[in-house]
Each structure stands twice: as C-alpha cells, then as structure tokens.
Amino acid sequence: MDRDLVHRQTAASAVKHMALGVAGLGCEDALIHLLNYVWPNIFETSPHVINAVMEAIEGMRVALGAAVVLNYCLQGLFHPARKVREVYWKIYNSLYIGSQDALVAAYPVLEDDEGNNVYGRPELHIFV
C-alpha cells in the first residue's frame, strides 16, 4: 500500500516467501488477508513490481490453492476495458499453467440445453 514502488515490490516479494513458507500449515486466513493487499497492485506499470506481484500471486496459488486465486481472477476476465482484461487473462493463464488439474473442481457445471448436449458432466455428479 506504500506509495513507493520499491517498497511495494519488496512487500510483494516478502508475501511470496511467506506464502511459500507456511503452505500447508493452516494459515489460510492470514494469507487471504495478505492477498487482499497484494491484489490491487496487478495494474502496476513497473516491470519489477509486476514480476514481484505475479510471483506473490503464484505463491498464493501454492499456499491457498488454485480455486481461491481463480475466484479473485474471474471478476476481471470479461471486463469491458481491454487493459483490465489483459492483466486478468495473464493471471489466469499462469494459474492454468501451474494448476490446471486443480481448476477442474472450481469450474461451474453447466446444464445441457436444447441446442447443446456437451455441457453436462454426468461423471462428476455424486449420487447419494
């Protein structure tokens, strides 16, 4: 949140290392709190800050799981502004490359309609 680029870059790098250091130790609530501070910096213009923020988000993907980061990312994938969409698609693409198997559980289940019968995934339905 600091005005200085160097401090935001350093903070993002520290968040990345903290997220990777506590992955799997039950600190998800604190990591989500830190992610809420890191996330607004995705629109930064400095290349060094962009890299630090992207690495922090990747660290959060490892520590929190891909579904949590996907929920943050979905809000901007179809934004009307091209600059916003580009940033969110960049995050989604890195999320997809890093954890495509974990994203399957987070995708919505679409029902079949009259025109298409390819949406349904009956193998994922749990019959209790």
N, C-alpha and C. Protein backbone atom coordinates (compact mmCIF):
# COMPACT_ATOMS: atom_id res chain seq x y z
N MET A 1 0.81 -1.19 0.00
CA MET A 1 0.00 0.00 0.00
C MET A 1 0.86 1.26 0.00
N ASP A 2 2.14 1.12 0.15
CA ASP A 2 3.04 2.27 0.20
C ASP A 2 3.08 2.96 -1.15
N ARG A 3 3.37 4.23 -1.16
CA ARG A 3 3.43 4.97 -2.42
C ARG A 3 4.69 4.65 -3.22
N ASP A 4 5.72 4.24 -2.55
CA ASP A 4 7.00 3.98 -3.21
C ASP A 4 6.99 2.61 -3.89
N LEU A 5 7.42 2.60 -5.14
CA LEU A 5 7.44 1.35 -5.91
C LEU A 5 8.34 0.30 -5.28
N VAL A 6 9.48 0.73 -4.78
CA VAL A 6 10.44 -0.22 -4.22
C VAL A 6 9.86 -0.91 -3.00
N HIS A 7 9.12 -0.17 -2.19
CA HIS A 7 8.52 -0.78 -1.00
C HIS A 7 7.42 -1.76 -1.38
N ARG A 8 6.63 -1.44 -2.39
CA ARG A 8 5.59 -2.38 -2.84
C ARG A 8 6.21 -3.63 -3.44
N GLN A 9 7.29 -3.46 -4.17
CA GLN A 9 7.98 -4.61 -4.75
C GLN A 9 8.56 -5.50 -3.64
N THR A 10 9.18 -4.88 -2.67
CA THR A 10 9.75 -5.64 -1.55
C THR A 10 8.66 -6.35 -0.76
N ALA A 11 7.54 -5.67 -0.54
CA ALA A 11 6.44 -6.27 0.19
C ALA A 11 5.86 -7.46 -0.56
N ALA A 12 5.71 -7.33 -1.88
CA ALA A 12 5.18 -8.45 -2.67
C ALA A 12 6.13 -9.64 -2.63
N SER A 13 7.41 -9.37 -2.68
CA SER A 13 8.39 -10.44 -2.59
C SER A 13 8.34 -11.11 -1.22
N ALA A 14 8.18 -10.33 -0.17
CA ALA A 14 8.07 -10.89 1.18
C ALA A 14 6.80 -11.73 1.32
N VAL A 15 5.70 -11.26 0.73
CA VAL A 15 4.45 -12.03 0.78
C VAL A 15 4.61 -13.36 0.06
N LYS A 16 5.31 -13.34 -1.07
CA LYS A 16 5.55 -14.60 -1.80
C LYS A 16 6.30 -15.59 -0.93
N HIS A 17 7.36 -15.14 -0.30
CA HIS A 17 8.17 -16.05 0.52
C HIS A 17 7.41 -16.51 1.76
N MET A 18 6.60 -15.63 2.35
CA MET A 18 5.79 -16.05 3.50
C MET A 18 4.76 -17.09 3.08
N ALA A 19 4.11 -16.87 1.92
CA ALA A 19 3.10 -17.81 1.46
C ALA A 19 3.72 -19.18 1.20
N LEU A 20 4.87 -19.20 0.57
CA LEU A 20 5.51 -20.48 0.30
C LEU A 20 6.03 -21.12 1.58
N GLY A 21 6.41 -20.30 2.55
CA GLY A 21 6.93 -20.83 3.80
C GLY A 21 5.88 -21.46 4.70
N VAL A 22 4.65 -20.98 4.62
CA VAL A 22 3.60 -21.51 5.50
C VAL A 22 2.59 -22.37 4.75
N ALA A 23 2.89 -22.75 3.53
CA ALA A 23 1.97 -23.57 2.74
C ALA A 23 1.69 -24.88 3.48
N GLY A 24 0.41 -25.16 3.67
CA GLY A 24 0.01 -26.39 4.33
C GLY A 24 0.01 -26.34 5.84
N LEU A 25 0.23 -25.19 6.44
CA LEU A 25 0.29 -25.10 7.90
C LEU A 25 -0.95 -24.47 8.52
N GLY A 26 -2.01 -24.26 7.73
CA GLY A 26 -3.26 -23.76 8.28
C GLY A 26 -3.31 -22.26 8.48
N CYS A 27 -2.56 -21.51 7.70
CA CYS A 27 -2.54 -20.04 7.83
C CYS A 27 -3.33 -19.37 6.71
N GLU A 28 -4.36 -20.03 6.22
CA GLU A 28 -5.08 -19.52 5.06
C GLU A 28 -5.73 -18.17 5.30
N ASP A 29 -6.27 -17.96 6.49
CA ASP A 29 -6.93 -16.68 6.76
C ASP A 29 -5.95 -15.51 6.71
N ALA A 30 -4.75 -15.70 7.23
CA ALA A 30 -3.74 -14.64 7.17
C ALA A 30 -3.26 -14.43 5.73
N LEU A 31 -3.16 -15.51 4.97
CA LEU A 31 -2.71 -15.38 3.58
C LEU A 31 -3.75 -14.67 2.72
N ILE A 32 -5.02 -14.92 2.96
CA ILE A 32 -6.06 -14.21 2.22
C ILE A 32 -6.02 -12.73 2.56
N HIS A 33 -5.74 -12.42 3.83
CA HIS A 33 -5.59 -11.02 4.23
C HIS A 33 -4.45 -10.37 3.46
N LEU A 34 -3.32 -11.06 3.34
CA LEU A 34 -2.19 -10.52 2.59
C LEU A 34 -2.49 -10.43 1.10
N LEU A 35 -3.23 -11.41 0.57
CA LEU A 35 -3.60 -11.38 -0.84
C LEU A 35 -4.47 -10.16 -1.14
N ASN A 36 -5.30 -9.77 -0.19
CA ASN A 36 -6.13 -8.58 -0.39
C ASN A 36 -5.29 -7.30 -0.48
N TYR A 37 -4.10 -7.31 0.09
CA TYR A 37 -3.20 -6.17 -0.04
C TYR A 37 -2.39 -6.24 -1.34
N VAL A 38 -2.08 -7.45 -1.78
CA VAL A 38 -1.26 -7.61 -2.99
C VAL A 38 -2.09 -7.39 -4.25
N TRP A 39 -3.33 -7.86 -4.25
CA TRP A 39 -4.14 -7.90 -5.47
C TRP A 39 -4.29 -6.56 -6.18
N PRO A 40 -4.51 -5.42 -5.50
CA PRO A 40 -4.66 -4.15 -6.23
C PRO A 40 -3.44 -3.75 -7.04
N ASN A 41 -2.30 -4.34 -6.76
CA ASN A 41 -1.07 -4.00 -7.47
C ASN A 41 -0.92 -4.72 -8.80
N ILE A 42 -1.93 -5.47 -9.22
CA ILE A 42 -1.82 -6.17 -10.50
C ILE A 42 -1.82 -5.19 -11.67
N PHE A 43 -2.29 -3.98 -11.45
CA PHE A 43 -2.34 -2.98 -12.52
C PHE A 43 -1.12 -2.08 -12.53
N GLU A 44 -0.08 -2.47 -11.84
CA GLU A 44 1.14 -1.68 -11.79
C GLU A 44 1.81 -1.64 -13.15
N THR A 45 2.59 -0.59 -13.41
CA THR A 45 3.23 -0.43 -14.71
C THR A 45 4.72 -0.74 -14.68
N SER A 46 5.33 -0.72 -13.53
CA SER A 46 6.76 -1.00 -13.43
C SER A 46 7.01 -2.50 -13.61
N PRO A 47 7.92 -2.88 -14.49
CA PRO A 47 8.16 -4.32 -14.73
C PRO A 47 8.61 -5.08 -13.50
N HIS A 48 9.42 -4.47 -12.65
CA HIS A 48 9.89 -5.16 -11.46
C HIS A 48 8.76 -5.40 -10.47
N VAL A 49 7.89 -4.42 -10.32
CA VAL A 49 6.75 -4.59 -9.41
C VAL A 49 5.78 -5.61 -9.99
N ILE A 50 5.57 -5.59 -11.30
CA ILE A 50 4.69 -6.56 -11.94
C ILE A 50 5.20 -7.98 -11.68
N ASN A 51 6.49 -8.20 -11.85
CA ASN A 51 7.06 -9.53 -11.61
C ASN A 51 6.91 -9.95 -10.15
N ALA A 52 7.15 -9.01 -9.23
CA ALA A 52 7.02 -9.34 -7.81
C ALA A 52 5.58 -9.67 -7.45
N VAL A 53 4.63 -8.93 -7.99
CA VAL A 53 3.22 -9.18 -7.70
C VAL A 53 2.78 -10.51 -8.31
N MET A 54 3.19 -10.78 -9.53
CA MET A 54 2.84 -12.06 -10.15
C MET A 54 3.43 -13.23 -9.37
N GLU A 55 4.65 -13.07 -8.88
CA GLU A 55 5.26 -14.14 -8.08
C GLU A 55 4.53 -14.30 -6.75
N ALA A 56 4.07 -13.19 -6.16
CA ALA A 56 3.30 -13.29 -4.92
C ALA A 56 1.99 -14.02 -5.16
N ILE A 57 1.35 -13.76 -6.29
CA ILE A 57 0.10 -14.45 -6.61
C ILE A 57 0.37 -15.93 -6.86
N GLU A 58 1.49 -16.24 -7.49
CA GLU A 58 1.85 -17.65 -7.68
C GLU A 58 2.11 -18.33 -6.35
N GLY A 59 2.75 -17.63 -5.41
CA GLY A 59 2.95 -18.19 -4.08
C GLY A 59 1.62 -18.43 -3.38
N MET A 60 0.68 -17.52 -3.58
CA MET A 60 -0.65 -17.70 -3.01
C MET A 60 -1.36 -18.89 -3.64
N ARG A 61 -1.13 -19.12 -4.94
CA ARG A 61 -1.72 -20.28 -5.60
C ARG A 61 -1.23 -21.56 -4.95
N VAL A 62 0.04 -21.61 -4.63
CA VAL A 62 0.59 -22.81 -3.99
C VAL A 62 0.03 -22.98 -2.58
N ALA A 63 -0.02 -21.87 -1.82
CA ALA A 63 -0.40 -21.97 -0.42
C ALA A 63 -1.91 -22.07 -0.21
N LEU A 64 -2.69 -21.32 -0.98
CA LEU A 64 -4.15 -21.29 -0.79
C LEU A 64 -4.89 -22.25 -1.70
N GLY A 65 -4.32 -22.55 -2.83
CA GLY A 65 -4.98 -23.39 -3.81
C GLY A 65 -5.43 -22.57 -5.01
N ALA A 66 -5.53 -23.23 -6.13
CA ALA A 66 -5.87 -22.56 -7.37
C ALA A 66 -7.29 -22.02 -7.37
N ALA A 67 -8.21 -22.68 -6.69
CA ALA A 67 -9.60 -22.25 -6.71
C ALA A 67 -9.78 -20.89 -6.04
N VAL A 68 -9.04 -20.62 -4.99
CA VAL A 68 -9.14 -19.33 -4.30
C VAL A 68 -8.65 -18.21 -5.21
N VAL A 69 -7.53 -18.42 -5.85
CA VAL A 69 -6.99 -17.40 -6.75
C VAL A 69 -7.90 -17.25 -7.97
N LEU A 70 -8.48 -18.34 -8.44
CA LEU A 70 -9.42 -18.26 -9.56
C LEU A 70 -10.62 -17.39 -9.21
N ASN A 71 -11.11 -17.47 -7.99
CA ASN A 71 -12.24 -16.63 -7.59
C ASN A 71 -11.89 -15.15 -7.64
N TYR A 72 -10.65 -14.81 -7.32
CA TYR A 72 -10.21 -13.43 -7.45
C TYR A 72 -10.10 -13.05 -8.92
N CYS A 73 -9.69 -14.00 -9.73
CA CYS A 73 -9.39 -13.73 -11.14
C CYS A 73 -10.64 -13.64 -12.02
N LEU A 74 -11.67 -14.37 -11.69
CA LEU A 74 -12.86 -14.41 -12.54
C LEU A 74 -13.55 -13.07 -12.69
N GLN A 75 -13.39 -12.20 -11.71
CA GLN A 75 -14.09 -10.92 -11.75
C GLN A 75 -13.65 -10.02 -12.90
N GLY A 76 -12.46 -10.22 -13.42
CA GLY A 76 -11.98 -9.31 -14.45
C GLY A 76 -11.74 -9.92 -15.81
N LEU A 77 -12.00 -11.21 -15.99
CA LEU A 77 -11.69 -11.85 -17.27
C LEU A 77 -12.50 -11.28 -18.43
N PHE A 78 -13.70 -10.82 -18.15
CA PHE A 78 -14.56 -10.31 -19.22
C PHE A 78 -14.93 -8.85 -18.97
N HIS A 79 -14.03 -8.12 -18.35
CA HIS A 79 -14.23 -6.69 -18.09
C HIS A 79 -14.29 -5.94 -19.41
N PRO A 80 -15.06 -4.86 -19.49
CA PRO A 80 -15.16 -4.10 -20.75
C PRO A 80 -13.84 -3.45 -21.19
N ALA A 81 -12.98 -3.10 -20.24
CA ALA A 81 -11.72 -2.43 -20.60
C ALA A 81 -10.66 -3.45 -20.98
N ARG A 82 -10.04 -3.25 -22.10
CA ARG A 82 -9.04 -4.18 -22.61
C ARG A 82 -7.84 -4.29 -21.68
N LYS A 83 -7.39 -3.17 -21.12
CA LYS A 83 -6.23 -3.18 -20.22
C LYS A 83 -6.49 -4.03 -18.98
N VAL A 84 -7.71 -3.98 -18.48
CA VAL A 84 -8.07 -4.78 -17.32
C VAL A 84 -8.12 -6.26 -17.71
N ARG A 85 -8.76 -6.56 -18.84
CA ARG A 85 -8.84 -7.96 -19.31
C ARG A 85 -7.46 -8.55 -19.51
N GLU A 86 -6.54 -7.79 -20.09
CA GLU A 86 -5.20 -8.33 -20.36
C GLU A 86 -4.50 -8.77 -19.09
N VAL A 87 -4.61 -7.97 -18.04
CA VAL A 87 -3.97 -8.32 -16.78
C VAL A 87 -4.60 -9.57 -16.18
N TYR A 88 -5.92 -9.60 -16.16
CA TYR A 88 -6.61 -10.75 -15.58
C TYR A 88 -6.37 -12.02 -16.39
N TRP A 89 -6.31 -11.94 -17.72
CA TRP A 89 -6.02 -13.12 -18.52
C TRP A 89 -4.59 -13.58 -18.33
N LYS A 90 -3.68 -12.65 -18.08
CA LYS A 90 -2.29 -13.03 -17.79
C LYS A 90 -2.23 -13.84 -16.50
N ILE A 91 -2.98 -13.39 -15.49
CA ILE A 91 -3.02 -14.13 -14.22
C ILE A 91 -3.69 -15.48 -14.42
N TYR A 92 -4.80 -15.50 -15.16
CA TYR A 92 -5.49 -16.77 -15.39
C TYR A 92 -4.60 -17.75 -16.15
N ASN A 93 -3.88 -17.28 -17.15
CA ASN A 93 -3.02 -18.17 -17.93
C ASN A 93 -1.91 -18.76 -17.07
N SER A 94 -1.32 -17.97 -16.19
CA SER A 94 -0.28 -18.51 -15.31
C SER A 94 -0.90 -19.48 -14.30
N LEU A 95 -2.12 -19.19 -13.87
CA LEU A 95 -2.84 -20.08 -12.97
C LEU A 95 -3.14 -21.41 -13.67
N TYR A 96 -3.54 -21.33 -14.92
CA TYR A 96 -3.86 -22.53 -15.70
C TYR A 96 -2.61 -23.37 -15.95
N ILE A 97 -1.50 -22.71 -16.26
CA ILE A 97 -0.25 -23.45 -16.50
C ILE A 97 0.22 -24.14 -15.22
N GLY A 98 0.07 -23.47 -14.09
CA GLY A 98 0.58 -24.02 -12.84
C GLY A 98 -0.31 -25.05 -12.18
N SER A 99 -1.63 -24.96 -12.38
CA SER A 99 -2.54 -25.84 -11.64
C SER A 99 -3.79 -26.19 -12.44
N GLN A 100 -3.63 -26.63 -13.66
CA GLN A 100 -4.82 -26.88 -14.45
C GLN A 100 -5.65 -28.03 -13.89
N ASP A 101 -5.03 -29.01 -13.26
CA ASP A 101 -5.82 -30.10 -12.69
C ASP A 101 -6.63 -29.65 -11.49
N ALA A 102 -6.13 -28.71 -10.71
CA ALA A 102 -6.86 -28.23 -9.53
C ALA A 102 -8.00 -27.30 -9.91
N LEU A 103 -7.95 -26.72 -11.11
CA LEU A 103 -9.00 -25.80 -11.53
C LEU A 103 -10.29 -26.52 -11.94
N VAL A 104 -10.20 -27.79 -12.28
CA VAL A 104 -11.37 -28.52 -12.76
C VAL A 104 -12.49 -28.49 -11.72
N ALA A 105 -12.14 -28.62 -10.46
CA ALA A 105 -13.15 -28.63 -9.40
C ALA A 105 -13.81 -27.27 -9.22
N ALA A 106 -13.15 -26.21 -9.67
CA ALA A 106 -13.67 -24.86 -9.47
C ALA A 106 -14.52 -24.37 -10.64
N TYR A 107 -14.48 -25.04 -11.77
CA TYR A 107 -15.27 -24.62 -12.91
C TYR A 107 -16.75 -24.90 -12.67
N PRO A 108 -17.63 -24.05 -13.17
CA PRO A 108 -19.07 -24.29 -12.94
C PRO A 108 -19.58 -25.45 -13.79
N VAL A 109 -20.60 -26.11 -13.30
CA VAL A 109 -21.26 -27.17 -14.05
C VAL A 109 -22.42 -26.53 -14.81
N LEU A 110 -22.38 -26.61 -16.12
CA LEU A 110 -23.43 -26.05 -16.95
C LEU A 110 -24.40 -27.15 -17.35
N GLU A 111 -25.66 -26.83 -17.31
CA GLU A 111 -26.67 -27.81 -17.70
C GLU A 111 -26.82 -27.84 -19.21
N ASP A 112 -27.18 -29.00 -19.74
CA ASP A 112 -27.45 -29.12 -21.17
C ASP A 112 -28.69 -28.31 -21.53
N ASP A 113 -28.72 -27.83 -22.75
CA ASP A 113 -29.92 -27.14 -23.22
C ASP A 113 -30.38 -27.80 -24.52
N GLU A 114 -31.35 -27.19 -25.19
CA GLU A 114 -31.91 -27.80 -26.40
C GLU A 114 -30.87 -27.89 -27.52
N GLY A 115 -30.03 -26.89 -27.64
CA GLY A 115 -29.08 -26.85 -28.76
C GLY A 115 -27.82 -27.64 -28.52
N ASN A 116 -27.39 -27.76 -27.28
CA ASN A 116 -26.14 -28.44 -26.98
C ASN A 116 -26.33 -29.47 -25.89
N ASN A 117 -25.71 -30.60 -26.08
CA ASN A 117 -25.73 -31.61 -25.03
C ASN A 117 -24.30 -32.00 -24.64
N VAL A 118 -23.39 -31.05 -24.80
CA VAL A 118 -21.99 -31.33 -24.48
C VAL A 118 -21.57 -30.70 -23.16
N TYR A 119 -22.47 -29.93 -22.52
CA TYR A 119 -22.09 -29.26 -21.29
C TYR A 119 -22.09 -30.21 -20.10
N GLY A 120 -23.02 -31.09 -20.06
CA GLY A 120 -23.19 -31.95 -18.89
C GLY A 120 -21.98 -32.84 -18.66
N ARG A 121 -21.68 -33.03 -17.38
CA ARG A 121 -20.60 -33.92 -17.00
C ARG A 121 -21.16 -34.92 -15.99
N PRO A 122 -21.89 -35.91 -16.49
CA PRO A 122 -22.56 -36.83 -15.54
C PRO A 122 -21.57 -37.60 -14.67
N GLU A 123 -20.34 -37.76 -15.11
CA GLU A 123 -19.37 -38.48 -14.30
C GLU A 123 -18.99 -37.71 -13.03
N LEU A 124 -19.29 -36.42 -12.99
CA LEU A 124 -18.96 -35.63 -11.81
C LEU A 124 -20.14 -35.51 -10.84
N HIS A 125 -21.30 -35.96 -11.23
CA HIS A 125 -22.45 -35.89 -10.35
C HIS A 125 -22.34 -36.98 -9.27
N ILE A 126 -22.57 -36.57 -8.06
CA ILE A 126 -22.48 -37.51 -6.94
C ILE A 126 -23.90 -37.93 -6.57
N PHE A 127 -24.13 -39.21 -6.64
CA PHE A 127 -25.44 -39.74 -6.29
C PHE A 127 -25.37 -40.26 -4.86
N VAL A 128 -26.15 -39.63 -4.00
CA VAL A 128 -26.12 -40.02 -2.58
C VAL A 128 -27.39 -40.73 -2.23
